[in-house]
Amino acid sequence: MAFKDMIKDAASTAMSTAQDAAQAAMEHDRQQAKAQGGGGIMQGLMGNYSELPVEAIEQQYGMYLMQGERFATGFALLRDKILFTDRRIVFIDHQGATGKKTAVESIYLSSIIGVELETGGAGFDHAELTFTYITSHYYKAYDVKTASKRLDFPGGFNVQPLYALLEGYAYANVQRINA
């Protein structure tokens, strides 16, 4: 076989593999959208999180739990997930064409020190929930480092209970840290 033919075959094989991976990723996204309900993809395309059933979260992401930890709720943004446990917030970022490469980030509830909520009107309108947390290992450090995360929720999702929960943690954390 000539070198030119070998390159042509290799390119053809690579193209076929890429197409298969893209089709597998699209099928995975379709299955995720089905699990999220009819509006999941649309909400994801608009940058909004949609709520996931706890049973589905436990089945798919239970391996990320620490011993004795439990999921409280979770949300999906296309392939990415944000999962709330009784100890932390877990961000799951599926990367690449197939979504098999995964980045997992945790923010401990004990580090949250501020929460902001912005809605288009009543609590059931589109909402942006931003929380600030301490990234330093020592919360009482002289030079405390912080970061913020913003979450967008669609209209129809009542974000106020989540806001109240995070605000409760923030208040208790600030009181504890400054005591």
Protein backbone atom coordinates (compact mmCIF):
# COMPACT_ATOMS: atom_id res chain seq x y z
CA MET A 1 0.00 0.00 0.00
CA ALA A 2 1.35 3.40 -0.98
CA PHE A 3 2.09 6.04 1.62
CA LYS A 4 -0.58 8.28 0.09
CA ASP A 5 -3.20 5.52 0.51
CA MET A 6 -2.12 4.92 4.12
CA ILE A 7 -2.62 8.60 4.94
CA LYS A 8 -5.99 8.58 3.18
CA ASP A 9 -7.08 5.49 5.19
CA ALA A 10 -5.85 7.03 8.46
CA ALA A 11 -7.73 10.26 7.73
CA SER A 12 -10.86 8.32 6.85
CA THR A 13 -10.61 6.28 10.07
CA ALA A 14 -10.06 9.44 12.14
CA MET A 15 -13.06 11.13 10.52
CA SER A 16 -15.24 8.08 11.15
CA THR A 17 -14.11 7.92 14.79
CA ALA A 18 -14.85 11.63 15.27
CA GLN A 19 -18.30 11.24 13.73
CA ASP A 20 -19.04 8.24 15.98
CA ALA A 21 -17.91 10.21 19.04
CA ALA A 22 -20.07 13.18 18.06
CA GLN A 23 -23.09 10.92 17.53
CA ALA A 24 -22.48 9.24 20.91
CA ALA A 25 -22.25 12.66 22.60
CA MET A 26 -25.48 13.79 20.94
CA GLU A 27 -27.24 10.60 22.03
CA HIS A 28 -25.93 11.10 25.57
CA ASP A 29 -27.28 14.68 25.53
CA ARG A 30 -30.66 13.42 24.24
CA GLN A 31 -30.83 10.92 27.10
CA GLN A 32 -29.91 13.63 29.61
CA ALA A 33 -32.56 15.95 28.17
CA LYS A 34 -35.12 13.16 28.44
CA ALA A 35 -34.18 12.69 32.11
CA GLN A 36 -34.46 16.47 32.67
CA GLY A 37 -37.89 16.72 31.08
CA GLY A 38 -39.03 18.40 27.90
CA GLY A 39 -37.63 21.86 28.62
CA GLY A 40 -34.16 20.69 29.69
CA ILE A 41 -32.36 21.34 26.40
CA MET A 42 -34.12 24.66 25.82
CA GLN A 43 -33.31 25.84 29.34
CA GLY A 44 -29.71 24.66 28.89
CA LEU A 45 -29.33 26.55 25.62
CA MET A 46 -30.59 29.68 27.38
CA GLY A 47 -27.97 29.15 30.13
CA ASN A 48 -30.51 28.13 32.78
CA TYR A 49 -30.29 25.22 35.18
CA SER A 50 -33.16 22.73 35.33
CA GLU A 51 -33.87 20.56 38.38
CA LEU A 52 -32.98 16.84 38.41
CA PRO A 53 -34.63 14.05 40.43
CA VAL A 54 -32.53 13.06 43.47
CA GLU A 55 -32.82 9.35 42.55
CA ALA A 56 -31.19 10.02 39.16
CA ILE A 57 -28.44 12.05 40.84
CA GLU A 58 -27.71 9.28 43.34
CA GLN A 59 -27.57 6.67 40.60
CA GLN A 60 -25.26 8.61 38.30
CA TYR A 61 -23.12 10.61 40.75
CA GLY A 62 -23.24 8.65 44.03
CA MET A 63 -19.57 7.75 43.59
CA TYR A 64 -18.61 11.37 44.36
CA LEU A 65 -20.19 11.35 47.83
CA MET A 66 -18.05 11.28 50.95
CA GLN A 67 -18.91 8.69 53.57
CA GLY A 68 -22.15 9.69 55.33
CA GLU A 69 -22.93 12.47 52.82
CA ARG A 70 -26.33 12.70 51.08
CA PHE A 71 -27.63 14.53 48.02
CA ALA A 72 -30.30 17.17 48.70
CA THR A 73 -31.01 18.39 45.16
CA GLY A 74 -29.33 18.91 41.83
CA PHE A 75 -29.58 20.83 38.59
CA ALA A 76 -28.44 20.32 35.00
CA LEU A 77 -27.17 22.75 32.39
CA LEU A 78 -26.97 20.60 29.26
CA ARG A 79 -24.15 18.19 30.20
CA ASP A 80 -22.92 20.09 33.27
CA LYS A 81 -24.41 19.49 36.72
CA ILE A 82 -24.55 21.31 40.04
CA LEU A 83 -25.33 19.00 42.93
CA PHE A 84 -26.17 20.05 46.49
CA THR A 85 -25.34 17.71 49.33
CA ASP A 86 -25.69 18.18 53.06
CA ARG A 87 -21.99 19.27 53.17
CA ARG A 88 -21.06 20.90 49.89
CA ILE A 89 -21.97 22.02 46.40
CA VAL A 90 -20.48 19.79 43.69
CA PHE A 91 -19.96 21.08 40.16
CA ILE A 92 -19.67 18.36 37.49
CA ASP A 93 -18.26 19.60 34.18
CA HIS A 94 -18.41 17.01 31.37
CA GLN A 95 -15.83 18.03 28.77
CA GLY A 96 -14.92 17.07 25.23
CA ALA A 97 -16.98 15.69 22.36
CA THR A 98 -17.96 12.52 24.20
CA GLY A 99 -18.37 14.05 27.66
CA LYS A 100 -16.28 11.24 29.17
CA LYS A 101 -13.63 13.65 30.47
CA THR A 102 -15.06 15.08 33.69
CA ALA A 103 -13.94 17.85 36.03
CA VAL A 104 -15.36 17.84 39.56
CA GLU A 105 -15.18 20.89 41.85
CA SER A 106 -16.50 21.14 45.40
CA ILE A 107 -17.41 24.19 47.44
CA TYR A 108 -18.02 23.47 51.10
CA LEU A 109 -21.18 24.95 52.57
CA SER A 110 -19.07 26.04 55.56
CA SER A 111 -17.15 28.46 53.27
CA ILE A 112 -20.16 30.40 51.92
CA ILE A 113 -20.20 33.96 53.29
CA GLY A 114 -22.56 35.88 51.02
CA VAL A 115 -25.56 35.32 48.77
CA GLU A 116 -27.29 37.59 46.25
CA LEU A 117 -30.55 36.97 44.41
CA GLU A 118 -31.79 38.90 41.40
CA THR A 119 -35.14 38.07 39.82
CA GLY A 120 -37.19 39.57 37.01
CA GLY A 121 -40.11 39.96 39.43
CA ALA A 122 -41.67 37.45 41.79
CA GLY A 123 -39.66 34.43 42.98
CA PHE A 124 -40.93 32.32 40.09
CA ASP A 125 -39.41 34.49 37.33
CA HIS A 126 -35.96 34.03 35.79
CA ALA A 127 -33.45 34.35 38.63
CA GLU A 128 -29.71 34.81 39.06
CA LEU A 129 -28.33 33.45 42.32
CA THR A 130 -24.77 34.46 43.16
CA PHE A 131 -22.91 33.20 46.20
CA THR A 132 -19.52 34.22 47.55
CA TYR A 133 -17.29 31.74 49.32
CA ILE A 134 -13.87 31.63 50.94
CA THR A 135 -11.20 29.88 48.86
CA SER A 136 -8.44 30.16 51.50
CA HIS A 137 -7.77 27.00 53.49
CA TYR A 138 -7.90 28.96 56.73
CA TYR A 139 -11.11 30.97 57.05
CA LYS A 140 -9.65 33.25 59.73
CA ALA A 141 -6.50 34.01 57.73
CA TYR A 142 -5.20 37.56 57.59
CA ASP A 143 -5.49 37.69 53.80
CA VAL A 144 -8.69 35.74 53.10
CA LYS A 145 -9.30 34.94 49.43
CA THR A 146 -12.85 34.73 48.08
CA ALA A 147 -14.59 33.85 44.82
CA SER A 148 -18.15 33.98 43.54
CA LYS A 149 -20.34 31.67 41.45
CA ARG A 150 -23.43 32.76 39.55
CA LEU A 151 -26.24 30.35 38.77
CA ASP A 152 -29.08 31.15 36.34
CA PHE A 153 -32.49 29.56 36.89
CA PRO A 154 -35.44 29.64 34.48
CA GLY A 155 -38.83 31.16 35.09
CA GLY A 156 -41.12 28.70 36.80
CA PHE A 157 -38.43 27.53 39.22
CA ASN A 158 -38.89 28.87 42.74
CA VAL A 159 -35.33 29.82 43.68
CA GLN A 160 -36.29 31.43 47.00
CA PRO A 161 -35.92 28.23 49.13
CA LEU A 162 -32.41 27.71 47.71
CA TYR A 163 -31.59 31.35 48.38
CA ALA A 164 -32.88 31.06 51.96
CA LEU A 165 -30.85 27.87 52.51
CA LEU A 166 -27.61 29.41 51.23
CA GLU A 167 -28.28 32.68 53.06
CA GLY A 168 -28.74 30.68 56.28
CA TYR A 169 -25.34 29.03 55.74
CA ALA A 170 -23.74 32.38 54.92
CA TYR A 171 -25.12 34.04 58.06
CA ALA A 172 -24.09 31.15 60.33
CA ASN A 173 -20.63 31.01 58.72
CA VAL A 174 -19.99 34.74 59.14
CA GLN A 175 -21.12 34.53 62.79
CA ARG A 176 -18.87 31.49 63.43
CA ILE A 177 -15.84 32.96 61.66
CA ASN A 178 -16.09 36.31 63.45
CA ALA A 179 -16.82 34.89 66.91
